[in-house]
Protein backbone atom coordinates (compact mmCIF):
# COMPACT_ATOMS: atom_id res chain seq x y z
CA UNK A 1 -68.62 -17.67 -2.73
CA UNK A 2 -66.21 -14.30 -3.14
CA UNK A 3 -63.10 -16.52 -4.10
CA UNK A 4 -60.71 -13.65 -6.07
CA UNK A 5 -57.57 -14.37 -7.90
CA UNK A 6 -55.75 -11.13 -9.12
CA UNK A 7 -53.19 -11.81 -11.69
CA UNK A 8 -49.88 -9.44 -11.53
CA UNK A 9 -50.62 -5.97 -11.60
CA UNK A 10 -54.12 -6.51 -11.36
CA UNK A 11 -54.85 -6.87 -14.85
CA UNK A 12 -56.85 -10.13 -15.48
CA UNK A 13 -59.13 -10.83 -12.12
CA UNK A 14 -61.54 -14.00 -12.06
CA UNK A 15 -64.26 -14.13 -9.70
CA UNK A 16 -66.27 -17.82 -8.80
CA UNK A 17 -69.73 -16.88 -9.02
CA UNK A 18 -70.91 -20.33 -8.31
CA UNK A 19 -69.66 -23.57 -7.83
CA UNK A 20 -68.75 -24.53 -11.08
CA UNK A 21 -68.71 -20.66 -13.03
CA UNK A 22 -66.32 -18.34 -13.10
CA UNK A 23 -66.61 -14.78 -14.35
CA UNK A 24 -63.19 -13.32 -16.11
CA UNK A 25 -62.75 -9.71 -16.37
CA UNK A 26 -60.74 -7.67 -18.79
CA UNK A 27 -61.69 -4.81 -16.74
CA UNK A 28 -57.95 -2.60 -16.75
CA UNK A 29 -57.21 -3.95 -20.45
CA UNK A 30 -59.11 -1.09 -22.78
CA UNK A 31 -58.74 1.56 -20.18
CA UNK A 32 -55.03 2.15 -21.04
CA UNK A 33 -56.46 1.89 -25.05
CA UNK A 34 -56.23 4.77 -26.60
CA UNK A 35 -59.05 3.79 -28.75
CA UNK A 36 -60.91 3.33 -25.73
CA UNK A 37 -63.61 6.10 -26.94
CA UNK A 38 -64.42 3.48 -29.91
CA UNK A 39 -64.29 0.34 -27.64
CA UNK A 40 -67.13 -0.56 -26.00
CA UNK A 41 -66.08 -1.74 -22.79
CA UNK A 42 -64.13 0.12 -20.05
CA UNK A 43 -64.20 0.75 -16.43
CA UNK A 44 -67.79 1.45 -16.27
CA UNK A 45 -68.90 -1.84 -18.04
CA UNK A 46 -65.28 -3.93 -18.24
CA UNK A 47 -65.25 -6.90 -20.91
CA UNK A 48 -66.00 -10.11 -19.09
CA UNK A 49 -66.03 -13.72 -20.07
CA UNK A 50 -68.36 -16.26 -18.54
CA UNK A 51 -66.67 -19.33 -18.03
CA UNK A 52 -67.89 -23.13 -16.33
CA UNK A 53 -65.42 -26.23 -15.79
CA UNK A 54 -68.17 -28.02 -18.25
CA UNK A 55 -67.11 -25.74 -20.51
CA UNK A 56 -63.32 -26.66 -19.99
CA UNK A 57 -64.15 -30.30 -20.00
CA UNK A 58 -66.00 -30.35 -23.62
CA UNK A 59 -63.32 -28.08 -25.27
CA UNK A 60 -60.79 -30.66 -23.91
CA UNK A 61 -63.25 -33.44 -25.79
CA UNK A 62 -63.81 -31.24 -29.00
CA UNK A 63 -60.22 -30.94 -29.30
CA UNK A 64 -59.79 -34.78 -28.59
CA UNK A 65 -62.49 -35.60 -31.45
CA UNK A 66 -60.72 -33.21 -33.81
CA UNK A 67 -57.44 -34.96 -33.29
CA UNK A 68 -58.49 -38.76 -33.07
CA UNK A 69 -60.66 -37.51 -36.76
CA UNK A 70 -57.48 -36.43 -37.79
CA UNK A 71 -55.39 -39.65 -37.01
CA UNK A 72 -58.56 -41.55 -38.56
CA UNK A 73 -58.04 -39.44 -41.94
CA UNK A 74 -54.08 -40.39 -41.87
CA UNK A 75 -54.02 -43.86 -40.68
CA UNK A 76 -57.18 -45.48 -41.83
CA UNK A 77 -56.22 -48.78 -40.52
CA UNK A 78 -56.07 -47.70 -36.98
CA UNK A 79 -59.01 -48.89 -34.76
CA UNK A 80 -60.71 -46.67 -32.34
CA UNK A 81 -58.89 -47.55 -29.21
CA UNK A 82 -55.61 -46.77 -31.07
CA UNK A 83 -56.85 -43.52 -32.01
CA UNK A 84 -57.61 -42.46 -28.66
CA UNK A 85 -54.40 -43.52 -27.33
CA UNK A 86 -52.34 -41.50 -29.57
CA UNK A 87 -54.90 -38.22 -29.46
CA UNK A 88 -52.88 -36.19 -27.03
CA UNK A 89 -54.47 -33.12 -26.35
CA UNK A 90 -52.68 -30.50 -24.10
CA UNK A 91 -54.10 -28.00 -21.48
CA UNK A 92 -52.74 -24.91 -23.52
CA UNK A 93 -54.81 -26.15 -26.96
CA UNK A 94 -57.73 -26.35 -24.79
CA UNK A 95 -57.03 -23.25 -23.19
CA UNK A 96 -56.36 -21.90 -26.49
CA UNK A 97 -60.06 -23.17 -28.23
CA UNK A 98 -61.85 -21.47 -25.48
CA UNK A 99 -59.39 -18.20 -25.88
CA UNK A 100 -60.82 -18.46 -29.48
CA UNK A 101 -64.15 -18.76 -28.45
CA UNK A 102 -64.62 -16.46 -26.11
CA UNK A 103 -62.35 -13.53 -26.85
CA UNK A 104 -60.63 -13.66 -30.22
CA UNK A 105 -64.11 -14.15 -32.13
CA UNK A 106 -65.13 -10.85 -30.17
CA UNK A 107 -62.93 -8.44 -32.02
CA UNK A 108 -65.28 -5.91 -33.42
CA UNK A 109 -66.76 -5.59 -29.45
CA UNK A 110 -63.12 -5.31 -28.01
CA UNK A 111 -62.02 -3.11 -30.68
CA UNK A 112 -58.43 -2.99 -29.05
CA UNK A 113 -57.62 -6.34 -30.73
CA UNK A 114 -59.30 -5.87 -34.24
CA UNK A 115 -56.11 -5.48 -36.56
CA UNK A 116 -58.36 -4.74 -39.26
CA UNK A 117 -59.16 -1.87 -37.59
CA UNK A 118 -56.05 -1.02 -36.01
CA UNK A 119 -52.03 -1.40 -36.67
CA UNK A 120 -51.78 -5.28 -36.86
CA UNK A 121 -48.22 -5.08 -34.96
CA UNK A 122 -50.00 -3.13 -32.07
CA UNK A 123 -52.86 -5.56 -31.86
CA UNK A 124 -50.50 -8.53 -32.21
CA UNK A 125 -48.73 -7.62 -29.07
CA UNK A 126 -51.91 -6.55 -27.36
CA UNK A 127 -53.68 -10.16 -28.38
CA UNK A 128 -50.08 -11.69 -26.88
CA UNK A 129 -50.20 -9.71 -23.67
CA UNK A 130 -54.02 -10.74 -23.30
CA UNK A 131 -53.65 -14.59 -24.57
CA UNK A 132 -50.60 -14.87 -21.95
CA UNK A 133 -53.18 -13.45 -18.93
CA UNK A 134 -56.10 -15.63 -20.29
CA UNK A 135 -53.68 -18.90 -19.98
CA UNK A 136 -52.81 -18.03 -17.06
CA UNK A 137 -56.05 -17.56 -15.39
CA UNK A 138 -57.39 -20.58 -16.92
CA UNK A 139 -54.63 -22.35 -15.58
CA UNK A 140 -55.92 -21.26 -11.96
CA UNK A 141 -59.59 -21.78 -12.88
CA UNK A 142 -59.12 -25.27 -13.87
CA UNK A 143 -57.19 -26.52 -10.57
CA UNK A 144 -60.33 -25.05 -9.13
CA UNK A 145 -62.24 -27.29 -11.03
CA UNK A 146 -60.13 -30.38 -10.86
CA UNK A 147 -61.15 -29.59 -6.93
CA UNK A 148 -64.57 -29.98 -7.74
CA UNK A 149 -64.25 -33.47 -10.10
């Protein structure tokens, strides 16, 4: 489709590759990493995440189900409808679940975010920047998905 969104300073980019599919590219992040030689990704092979609208909806449903289960354990007297009304899930919680699944669990592949191999303070700061940019991009993708559904 060719629609691009580039975040400030060209750090994180997403492309719409299909009607409901998006590719998020972290192409600028590992380039500035002094450990780039150990990082699997770089300019020639950027770290990319593929995401579709259904994955966002599934992540939201999963988070809501988790909350409903917790509410059921805490308040066994509540029926299903009451739990569903009380189980509120924010966009940030959904995006955080996608972040954990799509980015954070790949620490060894990314290396720049692996606090077991690098300074934990450095990787923590780097992770915060990546997370912030990822959350902003997911907000934009979520808007695109809402046009479809």
